[in-house]
């Protein structure tokens, strides 16, 4: 990290935006992974949200689970590299 002797610092250096974007990708991917994984498990147990109507779409849940896994792997790999 570069230090400035001046009064103002670039916004990127204050917030460290390069790392922040990588962390957000990891968090978003993990949220998709955990949320859809929980929905899949609850559906297999025969439970559904109270007050909700409609059928469980397993294909959509598995698709979003897979996309979340890919985004989480991408975010983790970006942070480690």
N, C-alpha and C. Protein backbone atom coordinates (compact mmCIF):
# COMPACT_ATOMS: atom_id res chain seq x y z
N UNK A 1 0.84 -1.17 0.00
CA UNK A 1 0.00 0.00 0.00
C UNK A 1 0.88 1.24 0.00
N UNK A 2 0.52 2.16 -0.83
CA UNK A 2 1.28 3.40 -0.91
C UNK A 2 0.73 4.42 0.09
N UNK A 3 1.61 5.17 0.68
CA UNK A 3 1.20 6.21 1.61
C UNK A 3 1.44 7.57 0.98
N UNK A 4 0.49 8.45 1.17
CA UNK A 4 0.59 9.79 0.62
C UNK A 4 0.87 10.77 1.75
N UNK A 5 1.68 11.73 1.44
CA UNK A 5 1.94 12.77 2.42
C UNK A 5 0.94 13.90 2.31
N UNK A 6 0.14 13.87 1.23
CA UNK A 6 -0.85 14.92 1.03
C UNK A 6 -2.07 14.74 1.91
N UNK A 7 -3.00 15.68 1.77
CA UNK A 7 -4.18 15.71 2.60
C UNK A 7 -5.23 14.69 2.16
N UNK A 8 -5.32 14.41 0.86
CA UNK A 8 -6.35 13.53 0.32
C UNK A 8 -5.72 12.24 -0.20
N UNK A 9 -6.46 11.15 -0.09
CA UNK A 9 -6.02 9.85 -0.57
C UNK A 9 -7.05 9.35 -1.57
N UNK A 10 -6.60 8.60 -2.55
CA UNK A 10 -7.53 8.07 -3.55
C UNK A 10 -8.53 7.14 -2.89
N UNK A 11 -9.77 7.17 -3.39
CA UNK A 11 -10.85 6.36 -2.81
C UNK A 11 -10.51 4.88 -2.85
N UNK A 12 -9.86 4.43 -3.90
CA UNK A 12 -9.50 3.02 -4.01
C UNK A 12 -8.57 2.58 -2.89
N UNK A 13 -7.69 3.46 -2.49
CA UNK A 13 -6.76 3.11 -1.43
C UNK A 13 -7.43 3.15 -0.06
N UNK A 14 -8.41 4.01 0.11
CA UNK A 14 -9.11 4.09 1.39
C UNK A 14 -9.94 2.83 1.61
N UNK A 15 -10.72 2.43 0.60
CA UNK A 15 -11.62 1.30 0.74
C UNK A 15 -11.01 -0.02 0.29
N UNK A 16 -9.86 0.03 -0.37
CA UNK A 16 -9.22 -1.17 -0.92
C UNK A 16 -10.22 -1.93 -1.79
N UNK A 17 -10.71 -1.26 -2.84
CA UNK A 17 -11.80 -1.77 -3.66
C UNK A 17 -11.46 -3.08 -4.36
N UNK A 18 -10.20 -3.32 -4.68
CA UNK A 18 -9.84 -4.57 -5.33
C UNK A 18 -10.18 -5.76 -4.46
N UNK A 19 -9.87 -5.68 -3.20
CA UNK A 19 -10.17 -6.78 -2.28
C UNK A 19 -11.66 -6.81 -1.95
N UNK A 20 -12.28 -5.65 -1.84
CA UNK A 20 -13.70 -5.59 -1.50
C UNK A 20 -14.56 -6.28 -2.55
N UNK A 21 -14.28 -6.08 -3.82
CA UNK A 21 -15.05 -6.72 -4.89
C UNK A 21 -14.87 -8.24 -4.84
N UNK A 22 -13.67 -8.71 -4.56
CA UNK A 22 -13.43 -10.14 -4.44
C UNK A 22 -14.18 -10.73 -3.25
N UNK A 23 -14.19 -10.01 -2.14
CA UNK A 23 -14.92 -10.48 -0.96
C UNK A 23 -16.42 -10.51 -1.20
N UNK A 24 -16.92 -9.53 -1.93
CA UNK A 24 -18.35 -9.49 -2.23
C UNK A 24 -18.74 -10.64 -3.16
N UNK A 25 -17.89 -10.98 -4.12
CA UNK A 25 -18.18 -12.12 -5.00
C UNK A 25 -18.22 -13.40 -4.18
N UNK A 26 -17.28 -13.58 -3.28
CA UNK A 26 -17.27 -14.76 -2.42
C UNK A 26 -18.52 -14.81 -1.55
N UNK A 27 -18.89 -13.70 -0.94
CA UNK A 27 -20.06 -13.66 -0.07
C UNK A 27 -21.35 -13.92 -0.85
N UNK A 28 -21.47 -13.34 -2.03
CA UNK A 28 -22.66 -13.53 -2.85
C UNK A 28 -22.79 -15.00 -3.28
N UNK A 29 -21.67 -15.58 -3.70
CA UNK A 29 -21.68 -16.99 -4.10
C UNK A 29 -22.03 -17.91 -2.95
N UNK A 30 -21.46 -17.65 -1.77
CA UNK A 30 -21.77 -18.47 -0.61
C UNK A 30 -23.23 -18.31 -0.17
N UNK A 31 -23.77 -17.12 -0.29
CA UNK A 31 -25.18 -16.91 0.06
C UNK A 31 -26.09 -17.70 -0.88
N UNK A 32 -25.77 -17.69 -2.16
CA UNK A 32 -26.56 -18.48 -3.12
C UNK A 32 -26.42 -19.97 -2.84
N UNK A 33 -25.22 -20.39 -2.54
CA UNK A 33 -24.95 -21.80 -2.27
C UNK A 33 -25.70 -22.27 -1.03
N UNK A 34 -25.60 -21.53 0.06
CA UNK A 34 -26.24 -21.93 1.31
C UNK A 34 -27.76 -21.81 1.24
N UNK A 35 -28.26 -20.75 0.64
CA UNK A 35 -29.70 -20.55 0.56
C UNK A 35 -30.39 -21.63 -0.27
N UNK A 36 -29.84 -21.91 -1.42
CA UNK A 36 -30.45 -22.93 -2.27
C UNK A 36 -30.21 -24.33 -1.72
N UNK A 37 -29.07 -24.55 -1.09
CA UNK A 37 -28.83 -25.84 -0.45
C UNK A 37 -29.82 -26.09 0.67
N UNK A 38 -30.11 -25.06 1.45
CA UNK A 38 -31.10 -25.18 2.53
C UNK A 38 -32.49 -25.48 1.96
N UNK A 39 -32.85 -24.80 0.86
CA UNK A 39 -34.15 -25.03 0.24
C UNK A 39 -34.26 -26.46 -0.29
N UNK A 40 -33.20 -26.96 -0.87
CA UNK A 40 -33.19 -28.33 -1.40
C UNK A 40 -33.34 -29.33 -0.26
N UNK A 41 -32.62 -29.12 0.82
CA UNK A 41 -32.69 -30.04 1.97
C UNK A 41 -34.09 -30.00 2.60
N UNK A 42 -34.64 -28.81 2.77
CA UNK A 42 -35.97 -28.70 3.37
C UNK A 42 -37.03 -29.36 2.48
N UNK A 43 -36.88 -29.24 1.17
CA UNK A 43 -37.83 -29.88 0.27
C UNK A 43 -37.74 -31.40 0.37
N UNK A 44 -36.53 -31.92 0.48
CA UNK A 44 -36.37 -33.37 0.62
C UNK A 44 -36.95 -33.89 1.93
N UNK A 45 -36.98 -33.06 2.94
CA UNK A 45 -37.58 -33.45 4.23
C UNK A 45 -39.09 -33.28 4.22
N UNK A 46 -39.63 -32.73 3.14
CA UNK A 46 -41.08 -32.54 3.03
C UNK A 46 -41.59 -31.27 3.66
N UNK A 47 -40.71 -30.35 3.97
CA UNK A 47 -41.11 -29.09 4.60
C UNK A 47 -41.20 -27.99 3.54
N UNK A 48 -42.10 -27.06 3.76
CA UNK A 48 -42.21 -25.90 2.88
C UNK A 48 -42.42 -24.67 3.75
N UNK A 49 -42.11 -23.49 3.24
CA UNK A 49 -42.30 -22.27 4.02
C UNK A 49 -43.77 -22.07 4.38
N UNK A 50 -44.04 -21.65 5.60
CA UNK A 50 -45.43 -21.43 6.01
C UNK A 50 -46.01 -20.21 5.30
N UNK A 51 -47.23 -20.36 4.85
CA UNK A 51 -47.90 -19.26 4.18
C UNK A 51 -47.54 -19.09 2.72
N UNK A 52 -46.72 -19.94 2.18
CA UNK A 52 -46.31 -19.84 0.79
C UNK A 52 -47.03 -20.89 -0.04
N UNK A 53 -47.42 -20.51 -1.24
CA UNK A 53 -48.06 -21.45 -2.15
C UNK A 53 -47.17 -21.65 -3.36
N UNK A 54 -47.45 -22.70 -4.10
CA UNK A 54 -46.67 -22.99 -5.29
C UNK A 54 -45.78 -24.19 -5.05
N UNK A 55 -45.31 -24.75 -6.13
CA UNK A 55 -44.49 -25.96 -6.01
C UNK A 55 -43.01 -25.61 -6.02
N UNK A 56 -42.26 -26.49 -5.47
CA UNK A 56 -40.80 -26.34 -5.43
C UNK A 56 -40.24 -26.69 -6.79
N UNK A 57 -39.42 -25.81 -7.32
CA UNK A 57 -38.80 -26.06 -8.63
C UNK A 57 -37.36 -26.51 -8.39
N UNK A 58 -37.19 -27.83 -8.41
CA UNK A 58 -35.89 -28.42 -8.10
C UNK A 58 -34.83 -28.04 -9.12
N UNK A 59 -35.18 -28.00 -10.39
CA UNK A 59 -34.22 -27.64 -11.43
C UNK A 59 -33.66 -26.25 -11.23
N UNK A 60 -34.53 -25.33 -10.89
CA UNK A 60 -34.08 -23.95 -10.65
C UNK A 60 -33.18 -23.87 -9.42
N UNK A 61 -33.57 -24.59 -8.35
CA UNK A 61 -32.76 -24.56 -7.13
C UNK A 61 -31.38 -25.16 -7.38
N UNK A 62 -31.32 -26.27 -8.11
CA UNK A 62 -30.02 -26.88 -8.40
C UNK A 62 -29.18 -25.99 -9.32
N UNK A 63 -29.82 -25.32 -10.28
CA UNK A 63 -29.10 -24.41 -11.17
C UNK A 63 -28.49 -23.26 -10.37
N UNK A 64 -29.28 -22.63 -9.49
CA UNK A 64 -28.77 -21.52 -8.69
C UNK A 64 -27.73 -21.99 -7.67
N UNK A 65 -27.87 -23.20 -7.18
CA UNK A 65 -26.87 -23.80 -6.30
C UNK A 65 -25.53 -23.92 -7.03
N UNK A 66 -25.58 -24.41 -8.27
CA UNK A 66 -24.36 -24.57 -9.08
C UNK A 66 -23.74 -23.22 -9.41
N UNK A 67 -24.56 -22.26 -9.80
CA UNK A 67 -24.04 -20.92 -10.11
C UNK A 67 -23.40 -20.30 -8.86
N UNK A 68 -24.04 -20.47 -7.71
CA UNK A 68 -23.48 -19.96 -6.46
C UNK A 68 -22.14 -20.60 -6.13
N UNK A 69 -22.03 -21.91 -6.38
CA UNK A 69 -20.76 -22.60 -6.14
C UNK A 69 -19.67 -22.05 -7.04
N UNK A 70 -19.99 -21.83 -8.31
CA UNK A 70 -18.99 -21.29 -9.24
C UNK A 70 -18.56 -19.88 -8.85
N UNK A 71 -19.50 -19.04 -8.45
CA UNK A 71 -19.15 -17.68 -8.03
C UNK A 71 -18.32 -17.71 -6.76
N UNK A 72 -18.66 -18.59 -5.81
CA UNK A 72 -17.89 -18.70 -4.57
C UNK A 72 -16.47 -19.18 -4.84
N UNK A 73 -16.33 -20.15 -5.73
CA UNK A 73 -14.98 -20.65 -6.09
C UNK A 73 -14.19 -19.54 -6.77
N UNK A 74 -14.83 -18.81 -7.65
CA UNK A 74 -14.18 -17.70 -8.35
C UNK A 74 -13.72 -16.64 -7.35
N UNK A 75 -14.60 -16.26 -6.41
CA UNK A 75 -14.24 -15.25 -5.41
C UNK A 75 -13.10 -15.72 -4.51
N UNK A 76 -13.15 -17.00 -4.08
CA UNK A 76 -12.08 -17.53 -3.22
C UNK A 76 -10.75 -17.60 -3.98
N UNK A 77 -10.80 -18.03 -5.23
CA UNK A 77 -9.58 -18.11 -6.02
C UNK A 77 -8.99 -16.72 -6.27
N UNK A 78 -9.87 -15.73 -6.46
CA UNK A 78 -9.40 -14.35 -6.66
C UNK A 78 -8.73 -13.81 -5.40
N UNK A 79 -9.28 -14.15 -4.24
CA UNK A 79 -8.67 -13.68 -3.00
C UNK A 79 -7.33 -14.34 -2.74
N UNK A 80 -7.20 -15.60 -3.11
CA UNK A 80 -5.95 -16.33 -2.84
C UNK A 80 -4.85 -15.99 -3.83
N UNK A 81 -5.21 -15.49 -5.00
CA UNK A 81 -4.17 -15.20 -6.01
C UNK A 81 -3.65 -13.79 -5.89
